[in-house]
Amino acid sequence: MLHPPHTPGELTLTVLIVEDDTDIRESLVEYLGAHGYEVTEAAHGREALDRLQQCTRKPRLIVLDLMMPVMDGRAFRQTQLSTPDLAEIPVLIISAYREIAELAKELRPIAYLKKPLQLADLLRVVARYCPTS
């Protein structure tokens, strides 16, 4: 779901959700959309990189699952960090991965949340990086 360009001066509130589970991804898109955020989605890391390289307006935040097919979250994040025009986009990791705290040290996200997600926690992190006012 890609959204049309914003008008000049409008605050960009774009969030990229990278999640292979269709139900979770669609729920997050719907939830954040209902809270006024533009949301773009990708089913795995390779698709997310393709979207990022094609778009002229980079997202303000990436919400990234770790366990995905094709390209997992770890490989995505390593590629993102080594790509100058993408490296500065903050990443929030969401995962059921047991050792998420240890992996977060390597991947340097702005935050991480364990699945199952508490939507209020997700919204708090998103609002910090994509303020609506």
N, C-alpha and C. Protein backbone atom coordinates (compact mmCIF):
# COMPACT_ATOMS: atom_id res chain seq x y z
N MET A 1 0.85 -1.16 0.00
CA MET A 1 0.00 0.00 0.00
C MET A 1 0.90 1.23 0.00
N LEU A 2 1.09 1.85 -1.14
CA LEU A 2 1.87 3.08 -1.24
C LEU A 2 0.89 4.25 -1.35
N HIS A 3 1.22 5.31 -0.68
CA HIS A 3 0.32 6.46 -0.64
C HIS A 3 0.83 7.56 -1.56
N PRO A 4 -0.07 8.43 -2.02
CA PRO A 4 0.33 9.50 -2.91
C PRO A 4 1.25 10.49 -2.20
N PRO A 5 2.01 11.27 -2.97
CA PRO A 5 2.92 12.25 -2.37
C PRO A 5 2.15 13.23 -1.49
N HIS A 6 2.81 13.71 -0.46
CA HIS A 6 2.18 14.69 0.42
C HIS A 6 2.31 16.08 -0.17
N THR A 7 1.50 16.99 0.35
CA THR A 7 1.57 18.35 -0.13
C THR A 7 2.76 19.05 0.53
N PRO A 8 3.33 20.06 -0.12
CA PRO A 8 4.48 20.77 0.44
C PRO A 8 4.17 21.29 1.85
N GLY A 9 5.11 21.10 2.76
CA GLY A 9 4.94 21.57 4.12
C GLY A 9 4.23 20.59 5.03
N GLU A 10 3.61 19.56 4.47
CA GLU A 10 2.89 18.58 5.28
C GLU A 10 3.89 17.66 5.98
N LEU A 11 3.62 17.37 7.22
CA LEU A 11 4.49 16.49 7.98
C LEU A 11 4.36 15.07 7.46
N THR A 12 5.50 14.44 7.17
CA THR A 12 5.50 13.07 6.68
C THR A 12 5.38 12.12 7.86
N LEU A 13 4.39 11.27 7.83
CA LEU A 13 4.15 10.34 8.93
C LEU A 13 4.21 8.90 8.43
N THR A 14 5.09 8.63 7.51
CA THR A 14 5.14 7.32 6.89
C THR A 14 5.88 6.32 7.75
N VAL A 15 5.28 5.15 7.87
CA VAL A 15 5.87 4.03 8.58
C VAL A 15 5.91 2.86 7.61
N LEU A 16 7.04 2.17 7.54
CA LEU A 16 7.17 0.96 6.72
C LEU A 16 7.09 -0.24 7.66
N ILE A 17 6.10 -1.09 7.44
CA ILE A 17 5.94 -2.33 8.21
C ILE A 17 6.55 -3.46 7.39
N VAL A 18 7.55 -4.16 7.96
CA VAL A 18 8.18 -5.29 7.28
C VAL A 18 7.88 -6.53 8.13
N GLU A 19 6.92 -7.30 7.68
CA GLU A 19 6.39 -8.44 8.45
C GLU A 19 5.85 -9.48 7.48
N ASP A 20 6.29 -10.74 7.63
CA ASP A 20 5.84 -11.78 6.71
C ASP A 20 4.46 -12.34 7.03
N ASP A 21 4.03 -12.26 8.26
CA ASP A 21 2.71 -12.77 8.64
C ASP A 21 1.65 -11.79 8.16
N THR A 22 0.87 -12.21 7.19
CA THR A 22 -0.12 -11.32 6.56
C THR A 22 -1.10 -10.76 7.58
N ASP A 23 -1.60 -11.59 8.49
CA ASP A 23 -2.57 -11.11 9.48
C ASP A 23 -1.97 -10.03 10.38
N ILE A 24 -0.75 -10.27 10.85
CA ILE A 24 -0.09 -9.27 11.71
C ILE A 24 0.17 -8.00 10.92
N ARG A 25 0.73 -8.15 9.71
CA ARG A 25 1.05 -6.98 8.89
C ARG A 25 -0.20 -6.15 8.61
N GLU A 26 -1.27 -6.79 8.19
CA GLU A 26 -2.50 -6.06 7.89
C GLU A 26 -3.09 -5.41 9.13
N SER A 27 -2.98 -6.08 10.27
CA SER A 27 -3.48 -5.50 11.52
C SER A 27 -2.69 -4.25 11.90
N LEU A 28 -1.37 -4.31 11.74
CA LEU A 28 -0.54 -3.16 12.06
C LEU A 28 -0.81 -2.00 11.11
N VAL A 29 -0.96 -2.31 9.83
CA VAL A 29 -1.29 -1.27 8.84
C VAL A 29 -2.62 -0.61 9.21
N GLU A 30 -3.61 -1.41 9.52
CA GLU A 30 -4.93 -0.89 9.88
C GLU A 30 -4.87 -0.07 11.17
N TYR A 31 -4.20 -0.58 12.17
CA TYR A 31 -4.10 0.08 13.47
C TYR A 31 -3.40 1.44 13.35
N LEU A 32 -2.24 1.44 12.71
CA LEU A 32 -1.51 2.71 12.56
C LEU A 32 -2.25 3.67 11.63
N GLY A 33 -2.87 3.13 10.60
CA GLY A 33 -3.67 3.96 9.70
C GLY A 33 -4.82 4.64 10.44
N ALA A 34 -5.45 3.91 11.35
CA ALA A 34 -6.56 4.46 12.14
C ALA A 34 -6.08 5.56 13.09
N HIS A 35 -4.78 5.57 13.37
CA HIS A 35 -4.21 6.60 14.24
C HIS A 35 -3.54 7.73 13.43
N GLY A 36 -3.84 7.80 12.13
CA GLY A 36 -3.40 8.92 11.32
C GLY A 36 -2.06 8.77 10.62
N TYR A 37 -1.50 7.57 10.62
CA TYR A 37 -0.21 7.37 9.98
C TYR A 37 -0.38 6.81 8.57
N GLU A 38 0.48 7.28 7.67
CA GLU A 38 0.59 6.66 6.35
C GLU A 38 1.43 5.41 6.57
N VAL A 39 1.01 4.31 6.01
CA VAL A 39 1.73 3.06 6.22
C VAL A 39 2.00 2.38 4.88
N THR A 40 3.25 1.98 4.71
CA THR A 40 3.68 1.20 3.57
C THR A 40 4.06 -0.16 4.13
N GLU A 41 3.88 -1.21 3.35
CA GLU A 41 4.15 -2.54 3.87
C GLU A 41 5.01 -3.36 2.93
N ALA A 42 5.70 -4.34 3.52
CA ALA A 42 6.52 -5.29 2.77
C ALA A 42 6.45 -6.62 3.51
N ALA A 43 6.47 -7.72 2.74
CA ALA A 43 6.33 -9.05 3.31
C ALA A 43 7.66 -9.67 3.75
N HIS A 44 8.78 -9.07 3.35
CA HIS A 44 10.10 -9.57 3.75
C HIS A 44 11.13 -8.49 3.46
N GLY A 45 12.35 -8.72 3.92
CA GLY A 45 13.40 -7.73 3.80
C GLY A 45 13.75 -7.33 2.38
N ARG A 46 13.78 -8.28 1.46
CA ARG A 46 14.12 -7.96 0.06
C ARG A 46 13.07 -7.03 -0.54
N GLU A 47 11.80 -7.31 -0.28
CA GLU A 47 10.74 -6.44 -0.78
C GLU A 47 10.84 -5.05 -0.15
N ALA A 48 11.19 -4.99 1.13
CA ALA A 48 11.35 -3.70 1.79
C ALA A 48 12.48 -2.90 1.17
N LEU A 49 13.62 -3.54 0.91
CA LEU A 49 14.74 -2.83 0.27
C LEU A 49 14.35 -2.33 -1.11
N ASP A 50 13.65 -3.16 -1.87
CA ASP A 50 13.20 -2.74 -3.20
C ASP A 50 12.31 -1.50 -3.09
N ARG A 51 11.36 -1.51 -2.15
CA ARG A 51 10.46 -0.37 -1.98
C ARG A 51 11.25 0.88 -1.58
N LEU A 52 12.19 0.71 -0.65
CA LEU A 52 12.98 1.86 -0.19
C LEU A 52 13.83 2.46 -1.30
N GLN A 53 14.37 1.62 -2.16
CA GLN A 53 15.21 2.12 -3.24
C GLN A 53 14.39 2.78 -4.34
N GLN A 54 13.12 2.43 -4.45
CA GLN A 54 12.26 3.01 -5.49
C GLN A 54 11.55 4.28 -5.05
N CYS A 55 11.38 4.46 -3.75
CA CYS A 55 10.58 5.60 -3.30
C CYS A 55 11.41 6.87 -3.22
N THR A 56 10.76 7.98 -3.47
CA THR A 56 11.43 9.27 -3.37
C THR A 56 11.31 9.84 -1.97
N ARG A 57 10.31 9.39 -1.24
CA ARG A 57 10.05 9.87 0.12
C ARG A 57 10.27 8.71 1.08
N LYS A 58 11.37 8.76 1.80
CA LYS A 58 11.72 7.66 2.71
C LYS A 58 10.81 7.68 3.93
N PRO A 59 10.53 6.52 4.50
CA PRO A 59 9.71 6.50 5.72
C PRO A 59 10.46 7.12 6.88
N ARG A 60 9.72 7.57 7.85
CA ARG A 60 10.33 8.12 9.06
C ARG A 60 10.69 7.03 10.05
N LEU A 61 10.09 5.84 9.87
CA LEU A 61 10.33 4.73 10.79
C LEU A 61 10.07 3.41 10.07
N ILE A 62 10.89 2.41 10.38
CA ILE A 62 10.68 1.06 9.87
C ILE A 62 10.36 0.16 11.06
N VAL A 63 9.25 -0.56 10.98
CA VAL A 63 8.88 -1.56 11.98
C VAL A 63 9.25 -2.91 11.37
N LEU A 64 10.22 -3.60 11.97
CA LEU A 64 10.86 -4.74 11.34
C LEU A 64 10.74 -6.02 12.15
N ASP A 65 10.14 -7.03 11.54
CA ASP A 65 10.15 -8.38 12.12
C ASP A 65 11.51 -8.99 11.83
N LEU A 66 11.93 -9.95 12.64
CA LEU A 66 13.24 -10.57 12.41
C LEU A 66 13.15 -11.88 11.64
N MET A 67 12.15 -12.70 11.95
CA MET A 67 12.06 -14.02 11.33
C MET A 67 11.13 -13.97 10.12
N MET A 68 11.74 -13.94 8.92
CA MET A 68 10.98 -13.85 7.67
C MET A 68 11.70 -14.65 6.59
N PRO A 69 10.95 -15.12 5.59
CA PRO A 69 11.59 -15.81 4.46
C PRO A 69 12.24 -14.81 3.51
N VAL A 70 12.91 -15.29 2.51
CA VAL A 70 13.57 -14.52 1.44
C VAL A 70 14.75 -13.73 2.00
N MET A 71 14.47 -12.71 2.80
CA MET A 71 15.51 -11.96 3.51
C MET A 71 14.97 -11.65 4.89
N ASP A 72 15.63 -12.18 5.91
CA ASP A 72 15.14 -11.95 7.28
C ASP A 72 15.49 -10.55 7.76
N GLY A 73 14.98 -10.21 8.94
CA GLY A 73 15.18 -8.88 9.48
C GLY A 73 16.63 -8.55 9.77
N ARG A 74 17.39 -9.53 10.20
CA ARG A 74 18.81 -9.30 10.48
C ARG A 74 19.57 -8.92 9.21
N ALA A 75 19.36 -9.67 8.13
CA ALA A 75 20.02 -9.36 6.85
C ALA A 75 19.55 -8.02 6.31
N PHE A 76 18.25 -7.73 6.46
CA PHE A 76 17.74 -6.43 6.02
C PHE A 76 18.44 -5.31 6.77
N ARG A 77 18.48 -5.42 8.09
CA ARG A 77 19.07 -4.35 8.91
C ARG A 77 20.55 -4.16 8.60
N GLN A 78 21.28 -5.24 8.41
CA GLN A 78 22.70 -5.13 8.07
C GLN A 78 22.88 -4.42 6.73
N THR A 79 22.03 -4.75 5.76
CA THR A 79 22.08 -4.09 4.45
C THR A 79 21.69 -2.63 4.59
N GLN A 80 20.65 -2.36 5.35
CA GLN A 80 20.19 -0.98 5.55
C GLN A 80 21.30 -0.14 6.18
N LEU A 81 21.95 -0.66 7.20
CA LEU A 81 23.00 0.09 7.88
C LEU A 81 24.21 0.37 6.99
N SER A 82 24.42 -0.48 6.00
CA SER A 82 25.57 -0.29 5.10
C SER A 82 25.21 0.50 3.84
N THR A 83 23.97 0.97 3.75
CA THR A 83 23.50 1.75 2.61
C THR A 83 23.30 3.20 3.06
N PRO A 84 24.19 4.11 2.66
CA PRO A 84 24.17 5.48 3.19
C PRO A 84 22.81 6.19 3.16
N ASP A 85 22.05 6.10 2.08
CA ASP A 85 20.79 6.84 2.05
C ASP A 85 19.66 6.16 2.82
N LEU A 86 19.91 4.97 3.37
CA LEU A 86 18.90 4.27 4.17
C LEU A 86 19.30 4.12 5.63
N ALA A 87 20.59 4.26 5.91
CA ALA A 87 21.12 3.94 7.24
C ALA A 87 20.52 4.79 8.36
N GLU A 88 20.11 5.99 8.05
CA GLU A 88 19.61 6.89 9.09
C GLU A 88 18.14 6.69 9.43
N ILE A 89 17.43 5.83 8.69
CA ILE A 89 16.02 5.60 9.00
C ILE A 89 15.96 4.75 10.27
N PRO A 90 15.29 5.24 11.32
CA PRO A 90 15.22 4.47 12.56
C PRO A 90 14.41 3.19 12.38
N VAL A 91 14.79 2.17 13.14
CA VAL A 91 14.13 0.86 13.06
C VAL A 91 13.64 0.45 14.43
N LEU A 92 12.40 0.00 14.48
CA LEU A 92 11.81 -0.63 15.65
C LEU A 92 11.69 -2.11 15.33
N ILE A 93 12.35 -2.95 16.10
CA ILE A 93 12.28 -4.39 15.87
C ILE A 93 11.11 -4.97 16.66
N ILE A 94 10.34 -5.83 15.98
CA ILE A 94 9.29 -6.60 16.65
C ILE A 94 9.59 -8.07 16.39
N SER A 95 9.57 -8.87 17.45
CA SER A 95 9.95 -10.26 17.24
C SER A 95 9.54 -11.13 18.42
N ALA A 96 9.31 -12.40 18.11
CA ALA A 96 9.09 -13.41 19.14
C ALA A 96 10.41 -14.10 19.48
N TYR A 97 11.49 -13.68 18.83
CA TYR A 97 12.81 -14.26 19.02
C TYR A 97 13.20 -14.18 20.49
N ARG A 98 13.62 -15.30 21.04
CA ARG A 98 13.90 -15.40 22.47
C ARG A 98 15.03 -14.48 22.93
N GLU A 99 16.10 -14.41 22.16
CA GLU A 99 17.25 -13.58 22.55
C GLU A 99 17.24 -12.21 21.86
N ILE A 100 16.09 -11.60 21.82
CA ILE A 100 15.95 -10.33 21.10
C ILE A 100 16.83 -9.23 21.71
N ALA A 101 17.00 -9.21 23.02
CA ALA A 101 17.83 -8.18 23.66
C ALA A 101 19.27 -8.26 23.18
N GLU A 102 19.81 -9.47 23.09
CA GLU A 102 21.19 -9.64 22.63
C GLU A 102 21.33 -9.25 21.17
N LEU A 103 20.38 -9.67 20.35
CA LEU A 103 20.42 -9.34 18.93
C LEU A 103 20.25 -7.84 18.70
N ALA A 104 19.47 -7.21 19.54
CA ALA A 104 19.25 -5.76 19.40
C ALA A 104 20.56 -4.99 19.57
N LYS A 105 21.46 -5.49 20.41
CA LYS A 105 22.76 -4.82 20.58
C LYS A 105 23.52 -4.78 19.25
N GLU A 106 23.43 -5.87 18.50
CA GLU A 106 24.11 -5.94 17.19
C GLU A 106 23.41 -5.08 16.14
N LEU A 107 22.09 -5.10 16.13
CA LEU A 107 21.33 -4.44 15.06
C LEU A 107 21.01 -2.97 15.34
N ARG A 108 21.22 -2.52 16.55
CA ARG A 108 21.08 -1.12 16.93
C ARG A 108 19.74 -0.47 16.53
N PRO A 109 18.62 -1.08 16.90
CA PRO A 109 17.33 -0.43 16.64
C PRO A 109 17.11 0.70 17.66
N ILE A 110 16.13 1.53 17.40
CA ILE A 110 15.78 2.57 18.37
C ILE A 110 15.08 1.95 19.56
N ALA A 111 14.42 0.79 19.31
CA ALA A 111 13.72 0.06 20.36
C ALA A 111 13.37 -1.32 19.81
N TYR A 112 12.94 -2.19 20.69
CA TYR A 112 12.40 -3.48 20.26
C TYR A 112 11.22 -3.84 21.14
N LEU A 113 10.28 -4.56 20.55
CA LEU A 113 9.10 -5.04 21.26
C LEU A 113 8.96 -6.53 21.00
N LYS A 114 8.65 -7.27 22.05
CA LYS A 114 8.44 -8.71 21.91
C LYS A 114 7.01 -8.98 21.46
N LYS A 115 6.88 -9.99 20.60
CA LYS A 115 5.56 -10.47 20.22
C LYS A 115 5.09 -11.46 21.27
N PRO A 116 3.83 -11.54 21.55
CA PRO A 116 2.75 -10.74 20.94
C PRO A 116 2.83 -9.28 21.38
N LEU A 117 2.58 -8.41 20.42
CA LEU A 117 2.72 -6.97 20.64
C LEU A 117 1.59 -6.42 21.50
N GLN A 118 1.95 -5.44 22.30
CA GLN A 118 0.96 -4.60 22.97
C GLN A 118 0.84 -3.36 22.08
N LEU A 119 -0.31 -3.17 21.48
CA LEU A 119 -0.46 -2.09 20.50
C LEU A 119 -0.20 -0.71 21.08
N ALA A 120 -0.51 -0.51 22.34
CA ALA A 120 -0.23 0.79 22.97
C ALA A 120 1.27 1.05 23.00
N ASP A 121 2.08 0.02 23.25
CA ASP A 121 3.54 0.18 23.25
C ASP A 121 4.03 0.53 21.84
N LEU A 122 3.49 -0.16 20.85
CA LEU A 122 3.85 0.13 19.46
C LEU A 122 3.52 1.59 19.12
N LEU A 123 2.33 2.01 19.46
CA LEU A 123 1.90 3.38 19.15
C LEU A 123 2.79 4.42 19.84
N ARG A 124 3.19 4.14 21.07
CA ARG A 124 4.08 5.06 21.80
C ARG A 124 5.41 5.26 21.06
N VAL A 125 6.00 4.16 20.59
CA VAL A 125 7.28 4.26 19.88
C VAL A 125 7.09 4.96 18.54
N VAL A 126 6.05 4.59 17.81
CA VAL A 126 5.79 5.22 16.52
C VAL A 126 5.56 6.72 16.70
N ALA A 127 4.79 7.11 17.70
CA ALA A 127 4.49 8.52 17.94
C ALA A 127 5.75 9.31 18.28
N ARG A 128 6.72 8.67 18.93
CA ARG A 128 7.97 9.35 19.27
C ARG A 128 8.76 9.72 18.03
N TYR A 129 8.70 8.86 17.00
CA TYR A 129 9.50 9.09 15.78
C TYR A 129 8.69 9.68 14.64
N CYS A 130 7.39 9.66 14.77
CA CYS A 130 6.50 10.24 13.75
C CYS A 130 5.44 11.07 14.46
N PRO A 131 5.84 12.16 15.10
CA PRO A 131 4.86 12.95 15.86
C PRO A 131 3.79 13.54 14.95
N THR A 132 2.57 13.58 15.45
CA THR A 132 1.47 14.12 14.67
C THR A 132 1.26 15.61 14.89
N SER A 133 2.01 16.19 15.81
CA SER A 133 1.86 17.64 16.02
C SER A 133 3.20 18.28 16.21
